[in-house]
N, C-alpha and C. Protein backbone atom coordinates (compact mmCIF):
# COMPACT_ATOMS: atom_id res chain seq x y z
N MET A 1 26.39 -18.02 2.58
CA MET A 1 25.23 -17.16 2.83
C MET A 1 24.99 -16.28 1.59
N SER A 2 23.82 -16.35 1.02
CA SER A 2 23.53 -15.61 -0.20
C SER A 2 23.36 -14.13 0.10
N GLN A 3 23.80 -13.31 -0.83
CA GLN A 3 23.66 -11.87 -0.69
C GLN A 3 22.25 -11.43 -1.06
N ASP A 4 21.82 -10.35 -0.41
CA ASP A 4 20.53 -9.78 -0.77
C ASP A 4 20.63 -9.24 -2.19
N PRO A 5 19.62 -9.50 -3.03
CA PRO A 5 19.69 -9.00 -4.41
C PRO A 5 19.57 -7.49 -4.48
N GLU A 6 20.05 -6.93 -5.57
CA GLU A 6 19.78 -5.53 -5.86
C GLU A 6 18.33 -5.42 -6.32
N ARG A 7 17.63 -4.41 -5.81
CA ARG A 7 16.21 -4.28 -6.14
C ARG A 7 15.94 -2.94 -6.82
N GLU A 8 15.06 -3.01 -7.83
CA GLU A 8 14.61 -1.80 -8.51
C GLU A 8 13.09 -1.87 -8.64
N LEU A 9 12.42 -0.86 -8.12
CA LEU A 9 10.96 -0.76 -8.22
C LEU A 9 10.64 0.27 -9.30
N ILE A 10 9.85 -0.14 -10.28
CA ILE A 10 9.51 0.73 -11.40
C ILE A 10 8.02 1.05 -11.36
N TYR A 11 7.72 2.33 -11.37
CA TYR A 11 6.32 2.77 -11.38
C TYR A 11 6.29 4.20 -11.89
N PHE A 12 5.09 4.72 -12.12
CA PHE A 12 4.97 6.13 -12.46
C PHE A 12 5.46 6.98 -11.29
N ASP A 13 5.76 8.23 -11.55
CA ASP A 13 6.30 9.10 -10.52
C ASP A 13 5.18 9.68 -9.64
N ILE A 14 4.37 8.78 -9.12
CA ILE A 14 3.28 9.10 -8.20
C ILE A 14 3.29 8.05 -7.10
N ARG A 15 2.40 8.19 -6.13
CA ARG A 15 2.29 7.15 -5.10
C ARG A 15 1.53 5.94 -5.64
N GLY A 16 0.24 6.12 -5.89
CA GLY A 16 -0.56 5.10 -6.56
C GLY A 16 -0.41 3.69 -5.99
N ARG A 17 -0.36 2.72 -6.90
CA ARG A 17 -0.34 1.31 -6.51
C ARG A 17 1.00 0.87 -5.92
N ALA A 18 2.01 1.70 -6.05
CA ALA A 18 3.33 1.31 -5.56
C ALA A 18 3.60 1.77 -4.13
N GLU A 19 2.75 2.61 -3.58
CA GLU A 19 3.10 3.24 -2.31
C GLU A 19 3.17 2.26 -1.15
N SER A 20 2.28 1.29 -1.10
CA SER A 20 2.36 0.30 -0.01
C SER A 20 3.65 -0.50 -0.11
N ILE A 21 4.12 -0.75 -1.33
CA ILE A 21 5.40 -1.44 -1.52
C ILE A 21 6.54 -0.59 -0.98
N ARG A 22 6.51 0.69 -1.30
CA ARG A 22 7.55 1.60 -0.81
C ARG A 22 7.55 1.67 0.71
N LEU A 23 6.36 1.67 1.31
CA LEU A 23 6.26 1.70 2.77
C LEU A 23 6.89 0.46 3.38
N LEU A 24 6.60 -0.70 2.81
CA LEU A 24 7.18 -1.94 3.34
C LEU A 24 8.69 -1.93 3.19
N LEU A 25 9.19 -1.53 2.03
CA LEU A 25 10.64 -1.46 1.83
C LEU A 25 11.28 -0.48 2.81
N ALA A 26 10.61 0.63 3.06
CA ALA A 26 11.14 1.60 4.02
C ALA A 26 11.19 1.00 5.42
N TYR A 27 10.11 0.32 5.82
CA TYR A 27 10.07 -0.28 7.15
C TYR A 27 11.17 -1.33 7.30
N ALA A 28 11.40 -2.11 6.25
CA ALA A 28 12.44 -3.15 6.28
C ALA A 28 13.84 -2.57 6.12
N ARG A 29 13.92 -1.29 5.85
CA ARG A 29 15.20 -0.61 5.58
C ARG A 29 15.97 -1.35 4.49
N ALA A 30 15.25 -1.70 3.45
CA ALA A 30 15.82 -2.48 2.35
C ALA A 30 16.34 -1.54 1.26
N PRO A 31 17.62 -1.57 0.96
CA PRO A 31 18.14 -0.74 -0.12
C PRO A 31 17.46 -1.08 -1.45
N HIS A 32 17.12 -0.08 -2.20
CA HIS A 32 16.49 -0.30 -3.50
C HIS A 32 16.51 0.98 -4.31
N VAL A 33 16.33 0.83 -5.60
CA VAL A 33 16.16 1.97 -6.49
C VAL A 33 14.68 2.16 -6.74
N ASP A 34 14.18 3.35 -6.48
CA ASP A 34 12.77 3.68 -6.71
C ASP A 34 12.71 4.51 -7.99
N ARG A 35 12.40 3.85 -9.08
CA ARG A 35 12.45 4.50 -10.40
C ARG A 35 11.07 5.01 -10.79
N GLY A 36 10.89 6.31 -10.72
CA GLY A 36 9.64 6.93 -11.14
C GLY A 36 9.71 7.34 -12.59
N ILE A 37 8.88 6.76 -13.42
CA ILE A 37 8.97 6.99 -14.86
C ILE A 37 8.00 8.09 -15.30
N PRO A 38 8.43 8.97 -16.18
CA PRO A 38 7.52 9.98 -16.73
C PRO A 38 6.46 9.31 -17.61
N ARG A 39 5.28 9.87 -17.61
CA ARG A 39 4.20 9.31 -18.44
C ARG A 39 4.59 9.24 -19.91
N ALA A 40 5.40 10.20 -20.35
CA ALA A 40 5.80 10.23 -21.75
C ALA A 40 6.63 9.01 -22.14
N ASP A 41 7.30 8.38 -21.15
CA ASP A 41 8.14 7.21 -21.43
C ASP A 41 7.35 5.91 -21.41
N TRP A 42 6.10 5.96 -20.94
CA TRP A 42 5.35 4.73 -20.72
C TRP A 42 5.07 3.93 -21.98
N PRO A 43 4.68 4.53 -23.09
CA PRO A 43 4.39 3.71 -24.28
C PRO A 43 5.56 2.83 -24.70
N THR A 44 6.78 3.33 -24.57
CA THR A 44 7.96 2.54 -24.92
C THR A 44 8.23 1.48 -23.86
N LEU A 45 8.18 1.87 -22.59
CA LEU A 45 8.47 0.93 -21.51
C LEU A 45 7.43 -0.18 -21.45
N LYS A 46 6.19 0.14 -21.76
CA LYS A 46 5.10 -0.84 -21.66
C LYS A 46 5.40 -2.11 -22.45
N LYS A 47 6.10 -1.97 -23.56
CA LYS A 47 6.40 -3.12 -24.41
C LYS A 47 7.45 -4.04 -23.80
N THR A 48 8.14 -3.58 -22.75
CA THR A 48 9.27 -4.33 -22.22
C THR A 48 9.00 -4.99 -20.88
N VAL A 49 7.85 -4.70 -20.24
CA VAL A 49 7.59 -5.23 -18.90
C VAL A 49 6.52 -6.32 -18.95
N PRO A 50 6.58 -7.28 -18.03
CA PRO A 50 5.58 -8.35 -18.01
C PRO A 50 4.17 -7.79 -17.85
N LEU A 51 3.24 -8.35 -18.58
CA LEU A 51 1.83 -7.97 -18.54
C LEU A 51 1.58 -6.56 -19.04
N GLY A 52 2.61 -5.87 -19.48
CA GLY A 52 2.43 -4.52 -19.98
C GLY A 52 1.91 -3.56 -18.95
N GLN A 53 2.36 -3.70 -17.70
CA GLN A 53 1.86 -2.84 -16.63
C GLN A 53 2.92 -2.64 -15.56
N VAL A 54 2.71 -1.61 -14.77
CA VAL A 54 3.54 -1.34 -13.60
C VAL A 54 2.61 -1.21 -12.39
N PRO A 55 3.13 -1.41 -11.17
CA PRO A 55 4.54 -1.53 -10.81
C PRO A 55 5.16 -2.87 -11.19
N VAL A 56 6.48 -2.82 -11.30
CA VAL A 56 7.29 -4.01 -11.53
C VAL A 56 8.47 -3.93 -10.56
N LEU A 57 8.78 -5.06 -9.94
CA LEU A 57 9.97 -5.16 -9.10
C LEU A 57 10.98 -6.04 -9.82
N ILE A 58 12.21 -5.54 -9.94
CA ILE A 58 13.30 -6.32 -10.53
C ILE A 58 14.30 -6.62 -9.43
N GLU A 59 14.63 -7.89 -9.26
CA GLU A 59 15.65 -8.31 -8.31
C GLU A 59 16.81 -8.92 -9.10
N ARG A 60 17.99 -8.37 -8.91
CA ARG A 60 19.17 -8.82 -9.64
C ARG A 60 20.18 -9.40 -8.66
N SER A 61 20.65 -10.60 -8.98
CA SER A 61 21.66 -11.26 -8.15
C SER A 61 22.61 -12.03 -9.05
N SER A 62 23.61 -12.65 -8.45
CA SER A 62 24.56 -13.44 -9.24
C SER A 62 23.88 -14.61 -9.93
N GLY A 63 22.74 -15.02 -9.42
CA GLY A 63 22.01 -16.14 -10.01
C GLY A 63 21.10 -15.76 -11.15
N GLY A 64 20.97 -14.45 -11.41
CA GLY A 64 20.10 -14.01 -12.49
C GLY A 64 19.19 -12.88 -12.07
N GLU A 65 18.11 -12.75 -12.79
CA GLU A 65 17.19 -11.63 -12.59
C GLU A 65 15.77 -12.16 -12.41
N ARG A 66 15.08 -11.63 -11.40
CA ARG A 66 13.68 -11.96 -11.18
C ARG A 66 12.86 -10.69 -11.43
N VAL A 67 11.85 -10.80 -12.29
CA VAL A 67 11.00 -9.66 -12.61
C VAL A 67 9.58 -10.00 -12.17
N ILE A 68 9.03 -9.18 -11.27
CA ILE A 68 7.73 -9.46 -10.67
C ILE A 68 6.76 -8.33 -10.99
N PRO A 69 5.69 -8.61 -11.72
CA PRO A 69 4.62 -7.62 -11.92
C PRO A 69 3.55 -7.80 -10.84
N GLN A 70 2.53 -6.97 -10.89
CA GLN A 70 1.36 -7.02 -10.00
C GLN A 70 1.72 -6.55 -8.58
N SER A 71 1.09 -5.47 -8.17
CA SER A 71 1.43 -4.84 -6.90
C SER A 71 1.29 -5.77 -5.71
N GLN A 72 0.25 -6.59 -5.68
CA GLN A 72 0.06 -7.47 -4.54
C GLN A 72 1.04 -8.64 -4.54
N ALA A 73 1.41 -9.11 -5.71
CA ALA A 73 2.44 -10.16 -5.78
C ALA A 73 3.77 -9.61 -5.27
N ILE A 74 4.09 -8.38 -5.65
CA ILE A 74 5.32 -7.75 -5.17
C ILE A 74 5.28 -7.57 -3.66
N LEU A 75 4.18 -7.03 -3.17
CA LEU A 75 4.06 -6.74 -1.74
C LEU A 75 4.18 -8.01 -0.91
N ARG A 76 3.52 -9.06 -1.32
CA ARG A 76 3.53 -10.29 -0.52
C ARG A 76 4.86 -11.03 -0.66
N HIS A 77 5.48 -10.93 -1.83
CA HIS A 77 6.82 -11.51 -1.98
C HIS A 77 7.79 -10.85 -1.00
N LEU A 78 7.79 -9.52 -0.98
CA LEU A 78 8.69 -8.81 -0.08
C LEU A 78 8.34 -9.07 1.38
N ALA A 79 7.06 -9.21 1.68
CA ALA A 79 6.66 -9.54 3.05
C ALA A 79 7.25 -10.87 3.49
N ARG A 80 7.23 -11.85 2.59
CA ARG A 80 7.84 -13.15 2.93
C ARG A 80 9.34 -13.02 3.11
N VAL A 81 9.98 -12.27 2.23
CA VAL A 81 11.44 -12.11 2.29
C VAL A 81 11.86 -11.48 3.62
N PHE A 82 11.12 -10.46 4.05
CA PHE A 82 11.52 -9.70 5.23
C PHE A 82 10.76 -10.09 6.50
N GLY A 83 10.03 -11.20 6.46
CA GLY A 83 9.32 -11.66 7.65
C GLY A 83 8.19 -10.76 8.08
N LEU A 84 7.52 -10.14 7.10
CA LEU A 84 6.41 -9.23 7.39
C LEU A 84 5.09 -9.79 6.89
N ASP A 85 4.98 -11.10 6.90
CA ASP A 85 3.75 -11.76 6.46
C ASP A 85 3.02 -12.43 7.61
N GLY A 86 3.43 -12.18 8.85
CA GLY A 86 2.81 -12.80 10.01
C GLY A 86 3.77 -13.75 10.69
N MET A 87 3.63 -13.85 12.01
CA MET A 87 4.56 -14.67 12.79
C MET A 87 4.14 -16.12 12.86
N ASN A 88 2.90 -16.42 12.50
CA ASN A 88 2.41 -17.80 12.48
C ASN A 88 1.27 -17.87 11.47
N GLU A 89 0.70 -19.06 11.30
CA GLU A 89 -0.32 -19.21 10.26
C GLU A 89 -1.58 -18.42 10.57
N ASP A 90 -1.96 -18.31 11.83
CA ASP A 90 -3.13 -17.50 12.17
C ASP A 90 -2.93 -16.05 11.74
N GLU A 91 -1.76 -15.50 12.01
CA GLU A 91 -1.49 -14.12 11.60
C GLU A 91 -1.43 -13.98 10.09
N ARG A 92 -0.86 -14.97 9.43
CA ARG A 92 -0.80 -14.91 7.96
C ARG A 92 -2.19 -14.92 7.35
N VAL A 93 -3.08 -15.73 7.91
CA VAL A 93 -4.46 -15.76 7.43
C VAL A 93 -5.14 -14.41 7.67
N ARG A 94 -4.97 -13.87 8.86
CA ARG A 94 -5.60 -12.57 9.17
C ARG A 94 -5.06 -11.48 8.25
N ALA A 95 -3.76 -11.50 8.01
CA ALA A 95 -3.16 -10.49 7.13
C ALA A 95 -3.74 -10.59 5.72
N ASP A 96 -3.90 -11.81 5.23
CA ASP A 96 -4.45 -11.98 3.88
C ASP A 96 -5.91 -11.53 3.81
N ILE A 97 -6.68 -11.80 4.86
CA ILE A 97 -8.08 -11.36 4.88
C ILE A 97 -8.16 -9.84 4.83
N VAL A 98 -7.35 -9.19 5.64
CA VAL A 98 -7.34 -7.73 5.64
C VAL A 98 -6.87 -7.20 4.29
N ALA A 99 -5.81 -7.78 3.75
CA ALA A 99 -5.28 -7.31 2.48
C ALA A 99 -6.31 -7.43 1.36
N GLU A 100 -7.02 -8.55 1.31
CA GLU A 100 -8.02 -8.72 0.26
C GLU A 100 -9.17 -7.73 0.42
N THR A 101 -9.52 -7.44 1.67
CA THR A 101 -10.56 -6.43 1.92
C THR A 101 -10.12 -5.06 1.44
N VAL A 102 -8.88 -4.71 1.75
CA VAL A 102 -8.36 -3.41 1.33
C VAL A 102 -8.24 -3.34 -0.18
N VAL A 103 -7.85 -4.43 -0.82
CA VAL A 103 -7.76 -4.45 -2.28
C VAL A 103 -9.12 -4.14 -2.90
N GLU A 104 -10.19 -4.68 -2.34
CA GLU A 104 -11.53 -4.38 -2.86
C GLU A 104 -11.84 -2.88 -2.74
N LEU A 105 -11.53 -2.32 -1.57
CA LEU A 105 -11.73 -0.88 -1.38
C LEU A 105 -10.85 -0.09 -2.33
N ARG A 106 -9.61 -0.52 -2.46
CA ARG A 106 -8.67 0.21 -3.31
C ARG A 106 -9.10 0.19 -4.78
N THR A 107 -9.64 -0.93 -5.21
CA THR A 107 -10.10 -1.03 -6.59
C THR A 107 -11.21 -0.03 -6.86
N ALA A 108 -12.16 0.06 -5.93
CA ALA A 108 -13.25 1.04 -6.08
C ALA A 108 -12.70 2.46 -6.02
N TRP A 109 -11.77 2.69 -5.14
CA TRP A 109 -11.19 4.02 -4.98
C TRP A 109 -10.40 4.45 -6.22
N ASN A 110 -9.65 3.52 -6.79
CA ASN A 110 -8.86 3.87 -7.98
C ASN A 110 -9.74 4.32 -9.13
N ARG A 111 -10.91 3.71 -9.25
CA ARG A 111 -11.82 4.11 -10.34
C ARG A 111 -12.26 5.56 -10.17
N VAL A 112 -12.41 5.98 -8.94
CA VAL A 112 -12.84 7.35 -8.66
C VAL A 112 -11.66 8.32 -8.67
N ALA A 113 -10.57 7.91 -8.05
CA ALA A 113 -9.46 8.83 -7.80
C ALA A 113 -8.59 9.08 -9.02
N TYR A 114 -8.45 8.06 -9.88
CA TYR A 114 -7.47 8.17 -10.96
C TYR A 114 -8.08 8.15 -12.36
N ASN A 115 -9.31 7.75 -12.48
CA ASN A 115 -9.92 7.66 -13.81
C ASN A 115 -11.22 8.46 -13.84
N PRO A 116 -11.42 9.29 -14.86
CA PRO A 116 -10.53 9.53 -16.01
C PRO A 116 -9.40 10.50 -15.70
N GLY A 117 -9.39 11.08 -14.52
CA GLY A 117 -8.34 12.00 -14.12
C GLY A 117 -8.39 12.16 -12.62
N TRP A 118 -7.56 13.00 -12.09
CA TRP A 118 -7.44 13.14 -10.65
C TRP A 118 -8.73 13.71 -10.05
N LEU A 119 -9.62 12.83 -9.59
CA LEU A 119 -10.84 13.25 -8.92
C LEU A 119 -11.65 14.25 -9.74
N LYS A 120 -11.76 13.99 -11.03
CA LYS A 120 -12.45 14.92 -11.92
C LYS A 120 -13.97 14.82 -11.82
N ASP A 121 -14.46 13.68 -11.38
CA ASP A 121 -15.91 13.47 -11.32
C ASP A 121 -16.36 13.64 -9.87
N GLN A 122 -16.82 14.82 -9.52
CA GLN A 122 -17.19 15.11 -8.14
C GLN A 122 -18.35 14.25 -7.68
N ALA A 123 -19.30 13.99 -8.57
CA ALA A 123 -20.45 13.16 -8.19
C ALA A 123 -20.00 11.76 -7.84
N ALA A 124 -19.06 11.21 -8.61
CA ALA A 124 -18.55 9.87 -8.33
C ALA A 124 -17.77 9.85 -7.02
N THR A 125 -17.00 10.91 -6.77
CA THR A 125 -16.26 11.00 -5.51
C THR A 125 -17.22 11.06 -4.33
N ASP A 126 -18.26 11.88 -4.43
CA ASP A 126 -19.25 11.98 -3.36
C ASP A 126 -19.94 10.64 -3.12
N ALA A 127 -20.27 9.95 -4.20
CA ALA A 127 -20.94 8.65 -4.07
C ALA A 127 -20.03 7.63 -3.41
N HIS A 128 -18.75 7.68 -3.72
CA HIS A 128 -17.80 6.75 -3.10
C HIS A 128 -17.76 6.94 -1.59
N PHE A 129 -17.66 8.19 -1.16
CA PHE A 129 -17.58 8.45 0.28
C PHE A 129 -18.92 8.25 0.99
N ARG A 130 -20.00 8.31 0.25
CA ARG A 130 -21.33 8.10 0.84
C ARG A 130 -21.71 6.62 0.88
N ASP A 131 -21.41 5.88 -0.19
CA ASP A 131 -21.96 4.53 -0.35
C ASP A 131 -20.93 3.41 -0.22
N VAL A 132 -19.69 3.68 -0.57
CA VAL A 132 -18.68 2.62 -0.63
C VAL A 132 -17.75 2.66 0.58
N PHE A 133 -17.13 3.78 0.81
CA PHE A 133 -16.13 3.86 1.87
C PHE A 133 -16.68 3.50 3.24
N PRO A 134 -17.87 3.96 3.65
CA PRO A 134 -18.36 3.61 4.98
C PRO A 134 -18.49 2.10 5.21
N ARG A 135 -18.87 1.38 4.17
CA ARG A 135 -19.01 -0.08 4.32
C ARG A 135 -17.66 -0.73 4.59
N PHE A 136 -16.65 -0.36 3.84
CA PHE A 136 -15.32 -0.94 4.06
C PHE A 136 -14.69 -0.42 5.35
N ARG A 137 -14.96 0.83 5.68
CA ARG A 137 -14.45 1.37 6.94
C ARG A 137 -14.96 0.56 8.12
N ALA A 138 -16.24 0.18 8.08
CA ALA A 138 -16.82 -0.61 9.17
C ALA A 138 -16.19 -2.00 9.24
N ILE A 139 -15.96 -2.60 8.08
CA ILE A 139 -15.33 -3.93 8.05
C ILE A 139 -13.92 -3.86 8.62
N LEU A 140 -13.14 -2.90 8.16
CA LEU A 140 -11.76 -2.78 8.63
C LEU A 140 -11.70 -2.42 10.11
N GLU A 141 -12.60 -1.57 10.54
CA GLU A 141 -12.64 -1.22 11.96
C GLU A 141 -12.94 -2.46 12.81
N GLY A 142 -13.87 -3.28 12.35
CA GLY A 142 -14.18 -4.51 13.07
C GLY A 142 -13.00 -5.46 13.13
N LEU A 143 -12.29 -5.61 12.02
CA LEU A 143 -11.12 -6.49 12.00
C LEU A 143 -10.02 -5.97 12.92
N LEU A 144 -9.83 -4.66 12.93
CA LEU A 144 -8.80 -4.08 13.80
C LEU A 144 -9.19 -4.22 15.27
N GLU A 145 -10.45 -4.02 15.58
CA GLU A 145 -10.89 -4.15 16.97
C GLU A 145 -10.78 -5.59 17.46
N GLN A 146 -11.00 -6.56 16.58
CA GLN A 146 -10.77 -7.96 16.95
C GLN A 146 -9.31 -8.17 17.34
N SER A 147 -8.41 -7.56 16.59
CA SER A 147 -6.99 -7.68 16.89
C SER A 147 -6.65 -6.98 18.20
N GLU A 148 -7.26 -5.81 18.42
CA GLU A 148 -7.02 -5.09 19.67
C GLU A 148 -7.49 -5.90 20.87
N GLU A 149 -8.58 -6.64 20.71
CA GLU A 149 -9.07 -7.49 21.80
C GLU A 149 -8.08 -8.58 22.16
N ARG A 150 -7.22 -8.94 21.20
CA ARG A 150 -6.17 -9.93 21.47
C ARG A 150 -4.91 -9.25 22.00
N GLY A 151 -4.98 -7.93 22.19
CA GLY A 151 -3.84 -7.19 22.72
C GLY A 151 -2.84 -6.77 21.67
N ALA A 152 -3.24 -6.79 20.41
CA ALA A 152 -2.32 -6.47 19.31
C ALA A 152 -2.59 -5.06 18.78
N LEU A 153 -1.55 -4.42 18.31
CA LEU A 153 -1.68 -3.07 17.76
C LEU A 153 -2.07 -3.05 16.29
N TYR A 154 -1.72 -4.13 15.58
CA TYR A 154 -1.88 -4.12 14.13
C TYR A 154 -2.96 -5.11 13.70
N PHE A 155 -3.27 -5.11 12.43
CA PHE A 155 -4.41 -5.89 11.96
C PHE A 155 -4.24 -7.39 12.19
N ALA A 156 -3.03 -7.90 12.03
CA ALA A 156 -2.84 -9.35 12.15
C ALA A 156 -2.25 -9.77 13.48
N GLY A 157 -1.55 -8.86 14.15
CA GLY A 157 -0.88 -9.24 15.37
C GLY A 157 -0.08 -8.09 15.96
N PRO A 158 0.92 -8.41 16.79
CA PRO A 158 1.66 -7.37 17.51
C PRO A 158 2.69 -6.62 16.67
N THR A 159 2.99 -7.13 15.49
CA THR A 159 3.96 -6.46 14.62
C THR A 159 3.34 -6.22 13.24
N PRO A 160 3.83 -5.23 12.50
CA PRO A 160 3.23 -4.91 11.20
C PRO A 160 3.42 -6.03 10.18
N THR A 161 2.45 -6.13 9.28
CA THR A 161 2.55 -7.02 8.12
C THR A 161 2.26 -6.21 6.86
N HIS A 162 2.37 -6.88 5.73
CA HIS A 162 2.06 -6.23 4.45
C HIS A 162 0.66 -5.62 4.46
N ALA A 163 -0.28 -6.26 5.16
CA ALA A 163 -1.65 -5.75 5.19
C ALA A 163 -1.74 -4.39 5.86
N ASP A 164 -0.91 -4.16 6.85
CA ASP A 164 -0.93 -2.87 7.55
C ASP A 164 -0.45 -1.74 6.64
N PHE A 165 0.56 -1.99 5.85
CA PHE A 165 1.06 -0.95 4.96
C PHE A 165 0.06 -0.65 3.85
N LEU A 166 -0.61 -1.69 3.38
CA LEU A 166 -1.65 -1.49 2.36
C LEU A 166 -2.83 -0.72 2.95
N ALA A 167 -3.25 -1.09 4.15
CA ALA A 167 -4.36 -0.39 4.80
C ALA A 167 -3.99 1.05 5.12
N PHE A 168 -2.79 1.25 5.63
CA PHE A 168 -2.33 2.61 5.95
C PHE A 168 -2.40 3.51 4.73
N ASP A 169 -1.83 3.05 3.63
CA ASP A 169 -1.80 3.87 2.42
C ASP A 169 -3.21 4.17 1.91
N THR A 170 -4.07 3.17 1.92
CA THR A 170 -5.42 3.35 1.37
C THR A 170 -6.26 4.27 2.26
N LEU A 171 -6.19 4.08 3.56
CA LEU A 171 -6.95 4.95 4.46
C LEU A 171 -6.42 6.38 4.43
N GLU A 172 -5.10 6.51 4.40
CA GLU A 172 -4.51 7.84 4.33
C GLU A 172 -4.91 8.58 3.06
N SER A 173 -4.95 7.87 1.95
CA SER A 173 -5.30 8.53 0.69
C SER A 173 -6.75 9.01 0.72
N HIS A 174 -7.62 8.25 1.39
CA HIS A 174 -9.00 8.72 1.55
C HIS A 174 -9.04 9.98 2.42
N ARG A 175 -8.28 9.97 3.49
CA ARG A 175 -8.31 11.11 4.40
C ARG A 175 -7.69 12.36 3.78
N GLU A 176 -6.81 12.17 2.82
CA GLU A 176 -6.25 13.33 2.12
C GLU A 176 -7.31 14.05 1.29
N VAL A 177 -8.34 13.32 0.88
CA VAL A 177 -9.40 13.91 0.06
C VAL A 177 -10.54 14.42 0.93
N VAL A 178 -10.95 13.61 1.91
CA VAL A 178 -11.99 14.03 2.87
C VAL A 178 -11.39 13.89 4.26
N ALA A 179 -10.93 14.98 4.81
CA ALA A 179 -10.16 14.95 6.06
C ALA A 179 -10.95 14.37 7.22
N THR A 180 -12.28 14.43 7.16
CA THR A 180 -13.11 13.99 8.28
C THR A 180 -13.61 12.55 8.14
N CYS A 181 -13.14 11.82 7.13
CA CYS A 181 -13.75 10.52 6.83
C CYS A 181 -13.50 9.47 7.90
N LEU A 182 -12.56 9.71 8.80
CA LEU A 182 -12.31 8.76 9.90
C LEU A 182 -12.67 9.35 11.26
N ASP A 183 -13.29 10.52 11.27
CA ASP A 183 -13.70 11.11 12.54
C ASP A 183 -14.69 10.17 13.24
N GLY A 184 -14.47 9.97 14.54
CA GLY A 184 -15.34 9.09 15.31
C GLY A 184 -14.96 7.63 15.21
N HIS A 185 -13.88 7.34 14.52
CA HIS A 185 -13.42 5.95 14.36
C HIS A 185 -12.03 5.84 14.97
N GLY A 186 -12.03 5.81 16.30
CA GLY A 186 -10.78 5.93 17.06
C GLY A 186 -9.77 4.84 16.79
N SER A 187 -10.22 3.61 16.59
CA SER A 187 -9.28 2.52 16.36
C SER A 187 -8.50 2.74 15.07
N LEU A 188 -9.19 3.16 14.03
CA LEU A 188 -8.51 3.38 12.75
C LEU A 188 -7.60 4.60 12.84
N GLN A 189 -8.03 5.63 13.53
CA GLN A 189 -7.17 6.81 13.70
C GLN A 189 -5.92 6.45 14.50
N ARG A 190 -6.10 5.68 15.56
CA ARG A 190 -4.96 5.24 16.37
C ARG A 190 -4.00 4.41 15.54
N PHE A 191 -4.54 3.52 14.70
CA PHE A 191 -3.72 2.68 13.83
C PHE A 191 -2.86 3.54 12.90
N LEU A 192 -3.47 4.52 12.25
CA LEU A 192 -2.70 5.38 11.35
C LEU A 192 -1.60 6.12 12.10
N ASP A 193 -1.93 6.61 13.28
CA ASP A 193 -0.92 7.32 14.07
C ASP A 193 0.23 6.40 14.46
N ASP A 194 -0.09 5.16 14.83
CA ASP A 194 0.96 4.22 15.24
C ASP A 194 1.87 3.86 14.08
N VAL A 195 1.29 3.62 12.91
CA VAL A 195 2.12 3.29 11.75
C VAL A 195 2.99 4.48 11.39
N ARG A 196 2.40 5.66 11.39
CA ARG A 196 3.14 6.87 11.03
C ARG A 196 4.31 7.11 11.99
N ALA A 197 4.17 6.69 13.24
CA ALA A 197 5.21 6.94 14.24
C ALA A 197 6.34 5.91 14.22
N LEU A 198 6.18 4.82 13.49
CA LEU A 198 7.27 3.85 13.39
C LEU A 198 8.50 4.55 12.81
N PRO A 199 9.66 4.50 13.46
CA PRO A 199 10.80 5.30 13.00
C PRO A 199 11.14 5.18 11.51
N PRO A 200 11.21 3.97 10.94
CA PRO A 200 11.53 3.92 9.50
C PRO A 200 10.43 4.54 8.63
N ILE A 201 9.18 4.41 9.08
CA ILE A 201 8.07 5.00 8.32
C ILE A 201 8.09 6.52 8.45
N ALA A 202 8.33 7.00 9.66
CA ALA A 202 8.42 8.45 9.86
C ALA A 202 9.51 9.06 8.99
N ASP A 203 10.65 8.38 8.90
CA ASP A 203 11.74 8.86 8.05
C ASP A 203 11.30 8.91 6.59
N TYR A 204 10.62 7.86 6.15
CA TYR A 204 10.18 7.81 4.75
C TYR A 204 9.13 8.87 4.46
N LEU A 205 8.16 9.02 5.34
CA LEU A 205 7.08 9.98 5.11
C LEU A 205 7.60 11.41 5.00
N ALA A 206 8.70 11.69 5.68
CA ALA A 206 9.26 13.04 5.66
C ALA A 206 9.86 13.41 4.31
N ARG A 207 10.13 12.40 3.46
CA ARG A 207 10.81 12.69 2.20
C ARG A 207 10.09 12.12 0.98
N ARG A 208 8.92 11.54 1.16
CA ARG A 208 8.29 10.86 0.03
C ARG A 208 7.64 11.85 -0.94
N ARG A 209 7.15 11.30 -2.04
CA ARG A 209 6.48 12.11 -3.06
C ARG A 209 5.28 12.84 -2.45
N PRO A 210 4.91 13.98 -3.04
CA PRO A 210 3.71 14.66 -2.56
C PRO A 210 2.47 13.83 -2.83
N SER A 211 1.42 14.14 -2.11
CA SER A 211 0.14 13.45 -2.31
C SER A 211 -0.28 13.50 -3.76
N ASP A 212 -0.79 12.39 -4.26
CA ASP A 212 -1.32 12.36 -5.62
C ASP A 212 -2.41 13.39 -5.81
N PHE A 213 -3.12 13.71 -4.74
CA PHE A 213 -4.30 14.57 -4.86
C PHE A 213 -3.96 16.04 -4.75
N GLN A 214 -2.70 16.35 -4.50
CA GLN A 214 -2.24 17.72 -4.63
C GLN A 214 -2.07 18.09 -6.10
N ARG A 215 -2.14 17.07 -6.96
CA ARG A 215 -1.99 17.29 -8.39
C ARG A 215 -3.34 17.54 -9.06
N ALA A 216 -4.42 17.33 -8.29
CA ALA A 216 -5.75 17.43 -8.89
C ALA A 216 -6.02 18.83 -9.43
């Protein structure tokens, strides 16, 4: 029986693109090193990592070392390893649909939230919550309600998948900036509450990094 590899997750010392990965690792109770790098160290580190970007997951075992860049590649790899990619092909398809939808929202959000600085462009932030977020909120709400009609709590089925951790992080980060952005959307609010109440997630949330937007 092969041993679980030693894992090291490398990212900046913020939540950002690595937070959904951290949530999944926490839920799986997977031992790992969470290495938050100072921005001052990035120019040197950038030359040593694949694609010149983070997050990067390093898995070390007796058979060698696996280095994985790209946040979604890392998230889905770990989901497969820990059985969090869906219980059957229907669930796996639903999880991927939700994940790709959230990635689109996250890409738009990152442009506003992190560039050129922490929510520095108020007009762009207002436009995002007026024109972009409501459209994706409606799509995600519809996908979640379809799952609820099947008697499931989560986006793909009765148990969490990688898509749920990605959706949780992205929706939560929006609500940290505009606290009322999910008011009147009970399914999404219920979903966030349910994920937050999962014992491994509750333990992680109690000790994780502060909100990126407290730095603004």
